[in-house]
Amino acid sequence: MTGNLLRKLIYSQRHIAISATSTLRAAPLDLRDLKTFLHLAESRHFGRSARAMHVSPSTLSRQIQRLEDDLGQPLFVRDNRTVTLTEAGEELRVFAQQTLLQYQQLRHTIDQQGPSLSGELHIFCSVTAAYSHLPPILDRFRAEHPSVEIKLTTGDAADAMEKVVTGEADLAIAGKPETLPGAVAFSMLENLAVVLIAPALPCPVRNQVSADKPDWSTVPFIMADQGPVRRRIELWFRRNKISNPMIYATVGGHEAMVSMVALGCGVALLPEVVLENSPETGA
């Protein structure tokens, strides 16, 4: 089975290469199908991948079925609860990562042959990162590539990886996740300290955390709904043997977490840079 699959993958890759230089033959493998497959291989969730790729669940199923028909092998094992890759699916995952990376490198090489870069660069980051990290990067980039139009979208940093994987953003500024998708490259800008913040104004929460030995199991926490910061606080709970923490709210976006702490709703673990660039003065 493996030999047949590899021959089909090589055949499909050859047709992708042909389609880059000739319009006489259509490639049997669509790069969009590869992107969709790769997202599903990472998420293992049809509904989540359909939403991320802006297609209906039935369209996503047809795309996967088209790949399975082309390769002659099932790519996923599905049941009511889980989606797992088959051996053929694992091979296609590696192939898709390599092919999409090669295509990006080809586009970059072709762009470099022109007189200068032009077009649009889509960037995604949090409001905080737009103030703290983006300005010096953009100043340098615009000086070198004045013909490139910058399109900036701000939002929850926890969504950054999905924005890049789905192609909604060309690059993003965010904390590094525990696992990095194969088609995504990561370049570290800075190591950021993480701090636990509490309300500055007199309130019950401030009284709790001001005690000599706070009972953290009774202190209300404002949690990020996903992302590296949430994993850090979950690790902190385990280290301090807090098996049932009091979660006051789960919030999308660091800036909203700062606001809730300032209102006296609870405490939160956040990158220090968020606090430094926050307009709130009550936390």
C-alpha atoms as a PDB file:
ATOM      1  CA  MET A   1       0.000   0.000   0.000  1.00  0.00           C
ATOM      2  CA  THR A   2       2.761   2.432   0.929  1.00  0.00           C
ATOM      3  CA  GLY A   3       4.550   1.983  -2.394  1.00  0.00           C
ATOM      4  CA  ASN A   4       1.370   2.604  -4.394  1.00  0.00           C
ATOM      5  CA  LEU A   5       0.547   5.682  -2.334  1.00  0.00           C
ATOM      6  CA  LEU A   6       4.019   7.149  -2.765  1.00  0.00           C
ATOM      7  CA  ARG A   7       3.844   6.615  -6.526  1.00  0.00           C
ATOM      8  CA  LYS A   8       0.512   8.434  -6.603  1.00  0.00           C
ATOM      9  CA  LEU A   9       1.899  11.257  -4.468  1.00  0.00           C
ATOM     10  CA  ILE A  10       4.911  11.628  -6.755  1.00  0.00           C
ATOM     11  CA  TYR A  11       2.588  11.619  -9.776  1.00  0.00           C
ATOM     12  CA  SER A  12       0.388  14.302  -8.195  1.00  0.00           C
ATOM     13  CA  GLN A  13       3.399  16.404  -7.186  1.00  0.00           C
ATOM     14  CA  ARG A  14       4.720  16.202 -10.753  1.00  0.00           C
ATOM     15  CA  HIS A  15       1.418  17.565 -12.059  1.00  0.00           C
ATOM     16  CA  ILE A  16       1.515  20.412  -9.536  1.00  0.00           C
ATOM     17  CA  ALA A  17       4.958  21.343 -10.849  1.00  0.00           C
ATOM     18  CA  ILE A  18       3.695  21.183 -14.436  1.00  0.00           C
ATOM     19  CA  SER A  19       0.762  23.456 -13.624  1.00  0.00           C
ATOM     20  CA  ALA A  20       3.150  26.150 -12.393  1.00  0.00           C
ATOM     21  CA  THR A  21       4.655  26.506 -15.881  1.00  0.00           C
ATOM     22  CA  SER A  22       1.877  25.428 -18.220  1.00  0.00           C
ATOM     23  CA  THR A  23      -1.847  26.044 -18.535  1.00  0.00           C
ATOM     24  CA  LEU A  24      -2.347  23.178 -20.970  1.00  0.00           C
ATOM     25  CA  ARG A  25      -2.877  20.537 -18.266  1.00  0.00           C
ATOM     26  CA  ALA A  26      -4.848  20.802 -15.039  1.00  0.00           C
ATOM     27  CA  ALA A  27      -3.295  19.488 -11.847  1.00  0.00           C
ATOM     28  CA  PRO A  28      -5.205  16.546 -10.346  1.00  0.00           C
ATOM     29  CA  LEU A  29      -4.366  17.822  -6.859  1.00  0.00           C
ATOM     30  CA  ASP A  30      -5.627  21.245  -5.753  1.00  0.00           C
ATOM     31  CA  LEU A  31      -3.448  23.228  -3.352  1.00  0.00           C
ATOM     32  CA  ARG A  32      -6.614  24.368  -1.584  1.00  0.00           C
ATOM     33  CA  ASP A  33      -7.503  20.734  -0.952  1.00  0.00           C
ATOM     34  CA  LEU A  34      -4.046  20.215   0.548  1.00  0.00           C
ATOM     35  CA  LYS A  35      -4.485  23.234   2.849  1.00  0.00           C
ATOM     36  CA  THR A  36      -7.883  21.969   3.945  1.00  0.00           C
ATOM     37  CA  PHE A  37      -6.565  18.453   4.523  1.00  0.00           C
ATOM     38  CA  LEU A  38      -3.609  19.793   6.512  1.00  0.00           C
ATOM     39  CA  HIS A  39      -5.865  21.847   8.782  1.00  0.00           C
ATOM     40  CA  LEU A  40      -8.086  18.811   9.408  1.00  0.00           C
ATOM     41  CA  ALA A  41      -5.010  16.668  10.080  1.00  0.00           C
ATOM     42  CA  GLU A  42      -3.990  19.184  12.767  1.00  0.00           C
ATOM     43  CA  SER A  43      -7.442  19.876  14.290  1.00  0.00           C
ATOM     44  CA  ARG A  44      -8.900  16.333  13.979  1.00  0.00           C
ATOM     45  CA  HIS A  45     -12.327  18.026  13.960  1.00  0.00           C
ATOM     46  CA  PHE A  46     -14.471  18.396  10.808  1.00  0.00           C
ATOM     47  CA  GLY A  47     -16.667  21.184  12.174  1.00  0.00           C
ATOM     48  CA  ARG A  48     -13.724  23.267  13.408  1.00  0.00           C
ATOM     49  CA  SER A  49     -11.816  22.887  10.143  1.00  0.00           C
ATOM     50  CA  ALA A  50     -14.901  23.708   8.066  1.00  0.00           C
ATOM     51  CA  ARG A  51     -15.377  26.961   9.992  1.00  0.00           C
ATOM     52  CA  ALA A  52     -11.686  27.852   9.798  1.00  0.00           C
ATOM     53  CA  MET A  53     -11.504  27.229   6.042  1.00  0.00           C
ATOM     54  CA  HIS A  54     -14.826  29.049   5.423  1.00  0.00           C
ATOM     55  CA  VAL A  55     -16.536  26.069   3.810  1.00  0.00           C
ATOM     56  CA  SER A  56     -19.586  24.033   4.742  1.00  0.00           C
ATOM     57  CA  PRO A  57     -19.086  20.644   6.433  1.00  0.00           C
ATOM     58  CA  SER A  58     -20.440  18.939   3.308  1.00  0.00           C
ATOM     59  CA  THR A  59     -17.918  20.786   1.104  1.00  0.00           C
ATOM     60  CA  LEU A  60     -15.107  19.775   3.444  1.00  0.00           C
ATOM     61  CA  SER A  61     -16.241  16.146   3.291  1.00  0.00           C
ATOM     62  CA  ARG A  62     -16.283  16.297  -0.520  1.00  0.00           C
ATOM     63  CA  GLN A  63     -12.749  17.714  -0.597  1.00  0.00           C
ATOM     64  CA  ILE A  64     -11.474  14.903   1.609  1.00  0.00           C
ATOM     65  CA  GLN A  65     -13.423  12.326  -0.410  1.00  0.00           C
ATOM     66  CA  ARG A  66     -11.851  13.716  -3.597  1.00  0.00           C
ATOM     67  CA  LEU A  67      -8.374  13.220  -2.148  1.00  0.00           C
ATOM     68  CA  GLU A  68      -9.243   9.717  -0.964  1.00  0.00           C
ATOM     69  CA  ASP A  69     -10.622   8.811  -4.396  1.00  0.00           C
ATOM     70  CA  ASP A  70      -7.535  10.219  -6.115  1.00  0.00           C
ATOM     71  CA  LEU A  71      -5.164   8.255  -3.865  1.00  0.00           C
ATOM     72  CA  GLY A  72      -7.303   5.146  -3.595  1.00  0.00           C
ATOM     73  CA  GLN A  73      -6.915   4.988   0.187  1.00  0.00           C
ATOM     74  CA  PRO A  74      -8.886   6.286   3.195  1.00  0.00           C
ATOM     75  CA  LEU A  75      -7.103   9.191   4.880  1.00  0.00           C
ATOM     76  CA  PHE A  76      -9.092   9.362   8.123  1.00  0.00           C
ATOM     77  CA  VAL A  77     -10.824   6.947  10.448  1.00  0.00           C
ATOM     78  CA  ARG A  78     -14.031   8.612  11.634  1.00  0.00           C
ATOM     79  CA  ASP A  79     -16.491   7.754  14.370  1.00  0.00           C
ATOM     80  CA  ASN A  80     -18.975   9.775  16.411  1.00  0.00           C
ATOM     81  CA  ARG A  81     -16.285  11.095  18.744  1.00  0.00           C
ATOM     82  CA  THR A  82     -12.867  11.078  17.093  1.00  0.00           C
ATOM     83  CA  VAL A  83     -11.068  11.640  13.807  1.00  0.00           C
ATOM     84  CA  THR A  84      -7.691   9.941  13.383  1.00  0.00           C
ATOM     85  CA  LEU A  85      -5.228   9.735  10.507  1.00  0.00           C
ATOM     86  CA  THR A  86      -4.656   6.452   8.710  1.00  0.00           C
ATOM     87  CA  GLU A  87      -1.186   5.407   7.576  1.00  0.00           C
ATOM     88  CA  ALA A  88      -1.982   6.885   4.162  1.00  0.00           C
ATOM     89  CA  GLY A  89      -3.226  10.069   5.834  1.00  0.00           C
ATOM     90  CA  GLU A  90       0.019  10.393   7.776  1.00  0.00           C
ATOM     91  CA  GLU A  91       2.006  10.096   4.538  1.00  0.00           C
ATOM     92  CA  LEU A  92      -0.182  12.709   2.857  1.00  0.00           C
ATOM     93  CA  ARG A  93       0.253  15.038   5.840  1.00  0.00           C
ATOM     94  CA  VAL A  94       4.039  15.013   5.353  1.00  0.00           C
ATOM     95  CA  PHE A  95       3.618  15.413   1.589  1.00  0.00           C
ATOM     96  CA  ALA A  96       1.196  18.341   2.013  1.00  0.00           C
ATOM     97  CA  GLN A  97       3.537  20.145   4.401  1.00  0.00           C
ATOM     98  CA  GLN A  98       6.469  19.756   2.019  1.00  0.00           C
ATOM     99  CA  THR A  99       4.462  20.699  -1.085  1.00  0.00           C
ATOM    100  CA  LEU A 100       2.934  23.845   0.417  1.00  0.00           C
ATOM    101  CA  LEU A 101       6.312  24.903   1.775  1.00  0.00           C
ATOM    102  CA  GLN A 102       7.931  24.358  -1.645  1.00  0.00           C
ATOM    103  CA  TYR A 103       5.155  26.367  -3.285  1.00  0.00           C
ATOM    104  CA  GLN A 104       5.718  29.263  -0.881  1.00  0.00           C
ATOM    105  CA  GLN A 105       9.454  29.096  -1.581  1.00  0.00           C
ATOM    106  CA  LEU A 106       8.740  29.124  -5.326  1.00  0.00           C
ATOM    107  CA  ARG A 107       6.557  32.212  -4.973  1.00  0.00           C
ATOM    108  CA  HIS A 108       9.234  33.897  -2.892  1.00  0.00           C
ATOM    109  CA  THR A 109      11.915  33.071  -5.492  1.00  0.00           C
ATOM    110  CA  ILE A 110       9.784  34.426  -8.333  1.00  0.00           C
ATOM    111  CA  ASP A 111       9.003  37.590  -6.360  1.00  0.00           C
ATOM    112  CA  GLN A 112      12.704  38.132  -5.698  1.00  0.00           C
ATOM    113  CA  GLN A 113      13.395  38.094  -9.444  1.00  0.00           C
ATOM    114  CA  GLY A 114      11.292  41.226  -9.910  1.00  0.00           C
ATOM    115  CA  PRO A 115      12.533  44.776  -9.309  1.00  0.00           C
ATOM    116  CA  SER A 116      10.920  44.955  -5.844  1.00  0.00           C
ATOM    117  CA  LEU A 117       8.275  43.363  -3.662  1.00  0.00           C
ATOM    118  CA  SER A 118       4.707  44.503  -4.205  1.00  0.00           C
ATOM    119  CA  GLY A 119       1.208  43.403  -3.280  1.00  0.00           C
ATOM    120  CA  GLU A 120      -0.436  42.973   0.116  1.00  0.00           C
ATOM    121  CA  LEU A 121       0.959  41.628   3.391  1.00  0.00           C
ATOM    122  CA  HIS A 122      -1.730  40.474   5.821  1.00  0.00           C
ATOM    123  CA  ILE A 123      -0.660  40.652   9.484  1.00  0.00           C
ATOM    124  CA  PHE A 124      -2.607  39.439  12.516  1.00  0.00           C
ATOM    125  CA  CYS A 125      -1.801  40.314  16.139  1.00  0.00           C
ATOM    126  CA  SER A 126      -3.361  41.451  19.387  1.00  0.00           C
ATOM    127  CA  VAL A 127      -3.968  45.136  20.113  1.00  0.00           C
ATOM    128  CA  THR A 128      -1.120  44.972  22.625  1.00  0.00           C
ATOM    129  CA  ALA A 129       1.348  43.566  20.079  1.00  0.00           C
ATOM    130  CA  ALA A 130       0.287  46.264  17.613  1.00  0.00           C
ATOM    131  CA  TYR A 131       1.665  48.803  20.096  1.00  0.00           C
ATOM    132  CA  SER A 132       4.542  46.897  21.687  1.00  0.00           C
ATOM    133  CA  HIS A 133       6.202  44.942  18.871  1.00  0.00           C
ATOM    134  CA  LEU A 134       4.807  45.843  15.462  1.00  0.00           C
ATOM    135  CA  PRO A 135       5.944  49.489  14.934  1.00  0.00           C
ATOM    136  CA  PRO A 136       9.728  48.876  14.683  1.00  0.00           C
ATOM    137  CA  ILE A 137       9.156  45.816  12.483  1.00  0.00           C
ATOM    138  CA  LEU A 138       6.881  47.729  10.100  1.00  0.00           C
ATOM    139  CA  ASP A 139       9.165  50.768   9.998  1.00  0.00           C
ATOM    140  CA  ARG A 140      12.067  48.622   8.823  1.00  0.00           C
ATOM    141  CA  PHE A 141       9.951  46.603   6.388  1.00  0.00           C
ATOM    142  CA  ARG A 142       8.314  49.642   4.780  1.00  0.00           C
ATOM    143  CA  ALA A 143      11.697  51.290   4.322  1.00  0.00           C
ATOM    144  CA  GLU A 144      12.908  48.239   2.374  1.00  0.00           C
ATOM    145  CA  HIS A 145       9.639  47.442   0.539  1.00  0.00           C
ATOM    146  CA  PRO A 146       7.618  50.635   0.044  1.00  0.00           C
ATOM    147  CA  SER A 147       5.395  49.063  -2.646  1.00  0.00           C
ATOM    148  CA  VAL A 148       3.891  46.499  -0.253  1.00  0.00           C
ATOM    149  CA  GLU A 149       0.510  47.431   1.231  1.00  0.00           C
ATOM    150  CA  ILE A 150       0.139  46.385   4.871  1.00  0.00           C
ATOM    151  CA  LYS A 151      -3.221  44.923   5.934  1.00  0.00           C
ATOM    152  CA  LEU A 152      -3.401  44.675   9.744  1.00  0.00           C
ATOM    153  CA  THR A 153      -6.092  42.771  11.643  1.00  0.00           C
ATOM    154  CA  THR A 154      -6.168  42.711  15.449  1.00  0.00           C
ATOM    155  CA  GLY A 155      -7.811  40.101  17.632  1.00  0.00           C
ATOM    156  CA  ASP A 156      -7.208  37.438  20.249  1.00  0.00           C
ATOM    157  CA  ALA A 157      -3.577  36.262  20.130  1.00  0.00           C
ATOM    158  CA  ALA A 158      -4.814  32.703  20.705  1.00  0.00           C
ATOM    159  CA  ASP A 159      -6.337  32.780  17.194  1.00  0.00           C
ATOM    160  CA  ALA A 160      -3.053  33.741  15.511  1.00  0.00           C
ATOM    161  CA  MET A 161      -1.914  30.236  14.552  1.00  0.00           C
ATOM    162  CA  GLU A 162      -5.221  29.355  12.903  1.00  0.00           C
ATOM    163  CA  LYS A 163      -5.170  32.635  10.941  1.00  0.00           C
ATOM    164  CA  VAL A 164      -1.781  31.740   9.466  1.00  0.00           C
ATOM    165  CA  VAL A 165      -2.613  28.082   8.806  1.00  0.00           C
ATOM    166  CA  THR A 166      -5.817  28.979   6.949  1.00  0.00           C
ATOM    167  CA  GLY A 167      -4.113  31.704   4.920  1.00  0.00           C
ATOM    168  CA  GLU A 168      -6.112  34.590   6.404  1.00  0.00           C
ATOM    169  CA  ALA A 169      -2.810  36.078   7.574  1.00  0.00           C
ATOM    170  CA  ASP A 170       0.656  35.883   6.045  1.00  0.00           C
ATOM    171  CA  LEU A 171       2.278  36.325   9.443  1.00  0.00           C
ATOM    172  CA  ALA A 172       1.196  36.845  13.028  1.00  0.00           C
ATOM    173  CA  ILE A 173       2.662  37.932  16.350  1.00  0.00           C
ATOM    174  CA  ALA A 174       1.785  35.577  19.202  1.00  0.00           C
ATOM    175  CA  GLY A 175       3.211  33.280  21.835  1.00  0.00           C
ATOM    176  CA  LYS A 176       4.667  30.028  20.541  1.00  0.00           C
ATOM    177  CA  PRO A 177       2.262  27.094  20.961  1.00  0.00           C
ATOM    178  CA  GLU A 178       3.353  23.756  22.405  1.00  0.00           C
ATOM    179  CA  THR A 179       3.088  22.128  18.975  1.00  0.00           C
ATOM    180  CA  LEU A 180       3.844  24.036  15.778  1.00  0.00           C
ATOM    181  CA  PRO A 181       2.070  22.990  12.545  1.00  0.00           C
ATOM    182  CA  GLY A 182       4.535  21.711   9.972  1.00  0.00           C
ATOM    183  CA  ALA A 183       3.637  24.389   7.401  1.00  0.00           C
ATOM    184  CA  VAL A 184       4.332  27.249   9.851  1.00  0.00           C
ATOM    185  CA  ALA A 185       7.751  28.736  10.646  1.00  0.00           C
ATOM    186  CA  PHE A 186       8.407  30.454  13.994  1.00  0.00           C
ATOM    187  CA  SER A 187      10.927  33.224  14.643  1.00  0.00           C
ATOM    188  CA  MET A 188      11.355  34.390  18.236  1.00  0.00           C
ATOM    189  CA  LEU A 189      11.209  38.142  18.809  1.00  0.00           C
ATOM    190  CA  GLU A 190      11.507  38.183  22.587  1.00  0.00           C
ATOM    191  CA  ASN A 191      11.090  36.114  25.751  1.00  0.00           C
ATOM    192  CA  LEU A 192       8.215  37.676  27.680  1.00  0.00           C
ATOM    193  CA  ALA A 193       7.697  37.495  31.433  1.00  0.00           C
ATOM    194  CA  VAL A 194       4.297  36.358  32.686  1.00  0.00           C
ATOM    195  CA  VAL A 195       2.821  38.056  35.760  1.00  0.00           C
ATOM    196  CA  LEU A 196      -0.151  37.456  38.054  1.00  0.00           C
ATOM    197  CA  ILE A 197      -2.212  40.645  38.311  1.00  0.00           C
ATOM    198  CA  ALA A 198      -4.787  41.591  40.954  1.00  0.00           C
ATOM    199  CA  PRO A 199      -7.143  44.569  41.434  1.00  0.00           C
ATOM    200  CA  ALA A 200      -5.515  47.763  42.706  1.00  0.00           C
ATOM    201  CA  LEU A 201      -8.717  49.192  44.181  1.00  0.00           C
ATOM    202  CA  PRO A 202     -10.049  47.957  47.559  1.00  0.00           C
ATOM    203  CA  CYS A 203     -12.292  44.933  47.013  1.00  0.00           C
ATOM    204  CA  PRO A 204     -12.761  41.378  48.373  1.00  0.00           C
ATOM    205  CA  VAL A 205     -10.395  39.892  45.773  1.00  0.00           C
ATOM    206  CA  ARG A 206      -7.603  42.272  46.761  1.00  0.00           C
ATOM    207  CA  ASN A 207      -8.135  41.388  50.426  1.00  0.00           C
ATOM    208  CA  GLN A 208      -7.819  37.678  49.582  1.00  0.00           C
ATOM    209  CA  VAL A 209      -4.522  37.975  47.689  1.00  0.00           C
ATOM    210  CA  SER A 210      -3.064  40.427  50.226  1.00  0.00           C
ATOM    211  CA  ALA A 211      -3.118  37.785  52.965  1.00  0.00           C
ATOM    212  CA  ASP A 212       0.214  36.326  54.120  1.00  0.00           C
ATOM    213  CA  LYS A 213      -0.723  32.927  52.700  1.00  0.00           C
ATOM    214  CA  PRO A 214      -3.596  33.298  50.226  1.00  0.00           C
ATOM    215  CA  ASP A 215      -5.874  30.315  49.752  1.00  0.00           C
ATOM    216  CA  TRP A 216      -5.605  30.261  45.962  1.00  0.00           C
ATOM    217  CA  SER A 217      -8.324  27.642  45.657  1.00  0.00           C
ATOM    218  CA  THR A 218     -10.876  30.273  46.776  1.00  0.00           C
ATOM    219  CA  VAL A 219      -9.529  33.199  44.727  1.00  0.00           C
ATOM    220  CA  PRO A 220     -11.551  33.886  41.541  1.00  0.00           C
ATOM    221  CA  PHE A 221      -9.497  33.670  38.333  1.00  0.00           C
ATOM    222  CA  ILE A 222     -10.074  35.303  34.957  1.00  0.00           C
ATOM    223  CA  MET A 223      -8.948  32.746  32.369  1.00  0.00           C
ATOM    224  CA  ALA A 224      -7.969  33.001  28.721  1.00  0.00           C
ATOM    225  CA  ASP A 225     -10.243  30.773  26.656  1.00  0.00           C
ATOM    226  CA  GLN A 226      -7.293  29.202  24.800  1.00  0.00           C
ATOM    227  CA  GLY A 227      -3.650  29.666  23.873  1.00  0.00           C
ATOM    228  CA  PRO A 228      -0.244  29.574  25.623  1.00  0.00           C
ATOM    229  CA  VAL A 229      -1.317  31.781  28.558  1.00  0.00           C
ATOM    230  CA  ARG A 230      -4.150  29.407  29.450  1.00  0.00           C
ATOM    231  CA  ARG A 231      -1.742  26.459  29.406  1.00  0.00           C
ATOM    232  CA  ARG A 232       0.631  28.384  31.693  1.00  0.00           C
ATOM    233  CA  ILE A 233      -2.047  29.011  34.325  1.00  0.00           C
ATOM    234  CA  GLU A 234      -3.241  25.387  34.111  1.00  0.00           C
ATOM    235  CA  LEU A 235       0.346  24.293  34.765  1.00  0.00           C
ATOM    236  CA  TRP A 236       0.508  26.735  37.712  1.00  0.00           C
ATOM    237  CA  PHE A 237      -2.669  25.180  39.142  1.00  0.00           C
ATOM    238  CA  ARG A 238      -1.122  21.703  38.935  1.00  0.00           C
ATOM    239  CA  ARG A 239       2.145  22.812  40.527  1.00  0.00           C
ATOM    240  CA  ASN A 240       0.254  24.390  43.421  1.00  0.00           C
ATOM    241  CA  LYS A 241      -2.057  21.356  43.705  1.00  0.00           C
ATOM    242  CA  ILE A 242      -5.199  23.369  42.983  1.00  0.00           C
ATOM    243  CA  SER A 243      -7.444  20.667  41.571  1.00  0.00           C
ATOM    244  CA  ASN A 244     -10.662  22.693  41.495  1.00  0.00           C
ATOM    245  CA  PRO A 245      -9.812  26.391  40.908  1.00  0.00           C
ATOM    246  CA  MET A 246     -12.527  29.031  41.119  1.00  0.00           C
ATOM    247  CA  ILE A 247     -12.975  30.310  37.549  1.00  0.00           C
ATOM    248  CA  TYR A 248     -14.941  33.566  37.531  1.00  0.00           C
ATOM    249  CA  ALA A 249     -14.891  33.968  33.741  1.00  0.00           C
ATOM    250  CA  THR A 250     -13.261  32.642  30.581  1.00  0.00           C
ATOM    251  CA  VAL A 251     -12.373  35.483  28.228  1.00  0.00           C
ATOM    252  CA  GLY A 252     -11.082  35.849  24.680  1.00  0.00           C
ATOM    253  CA  GLY A 253      -8.361  38.510  24.519  1.00  0.00           C
ATOM    254  CA  HIS A 254      -5.783  39.669  27.060  1.00  0.00           C
ATOM    255  CA  GLU A 255      -7.036  43.254  27.064  1.00  0.00           C
ATOM    256  CA  ALA A 256     -10.500  42.135  28.216  1.00  0.00           C
ATOM    257  CA  MET A 257      -8.877  40.123  31.015  1.00  0.00           C
ATOM    258  CA  VAL A 258      -7.088  43.251  32.287  1.00  0.00           C
ATOM    259  CA  SER A 259     -10.391  45.155  32.316  1.00  0.00           C
ATOM    260  CA  MET A 260     -12.128  42.454  34.358  1.00  0.00           C
ATOM    261  CA  VAL A 261      -9.295  42.388  36.897  1.00  0.00           C
ATOM    262  CA  ALA A 262      -9.450  46.188  37.177  1.00  0.00           C
ATOM    263  CA  LEU A 263     -13.172  45.889  37.955  1.00  0.00           C
ATOM    264  CA  GLY A 264     -12.373  43.578  40.885  1.00  0.00           C
ATOM    265  CA  CYS A 265     -13.738  40.394  39.326  1.00  0.00           C
ATOM    266  CA  GLY A 266     -10.644  38.294  39.995  1.00  0.00           C
ATOM    267  CA  VAL A 267      -6.945  37.797  39.264  1.00  0.00           C
ATOM    268  CA  ALA A 268      -5.298  36.759  35.999  1.00  0.00           C
ATOM    269  CA  LEU A 269      -2.003  35.472  34.643  1.00  0.00           C
ATOM    270  CA  LEU A 270      -0.844  37.581  31.684  1.00  0.00           C
ATOM    271  CA  PRO A 271       2.272  38.507  29.688  1.00  0.00           C
ATOM    272  CA  GLU A 272       3.806  41.544  31.401  1.00  0.00           C
ATOM    273  CA  VAL A 273       3.820  43.459  28.109  1.00  0.00           C
ATOM    274  CA  VAL A 274      -0.006  43.418  28.129  1.00  0.00           C
ATOM    275  CA  LEU A 275      -0.072  45.264  31.451  1.00  0.00           C
ATOM    276  CA  GLU A 276       2.607  47.727  30.306  1.00  0.00           C
ATOM    277  CA  ASN A 277       0.555  48.711  27.262  1.00  0.00           C
ATOM    278  CA  SER A 278      -2.887  48.620  28.873  1.00  0.00           C
ATOM    279  CA  PRO A 279      -4.904  51.860  29.225  1.00  0.00           C
ATOM    280  CA  GLU A 280      -6.370  50.454  32.449  1.00  0.00           C
ATOM    281  CA  THR A 281      -4.941  52.001  35.603  1.00  0.00           C
ATOM    282  CA  GLY A 282      -6.961  50.026  38.137  1.00  0.00           C
ATOM    283  CA  ALA A 283      -5.099  46.720  37.837  1.00  0.00           C
END
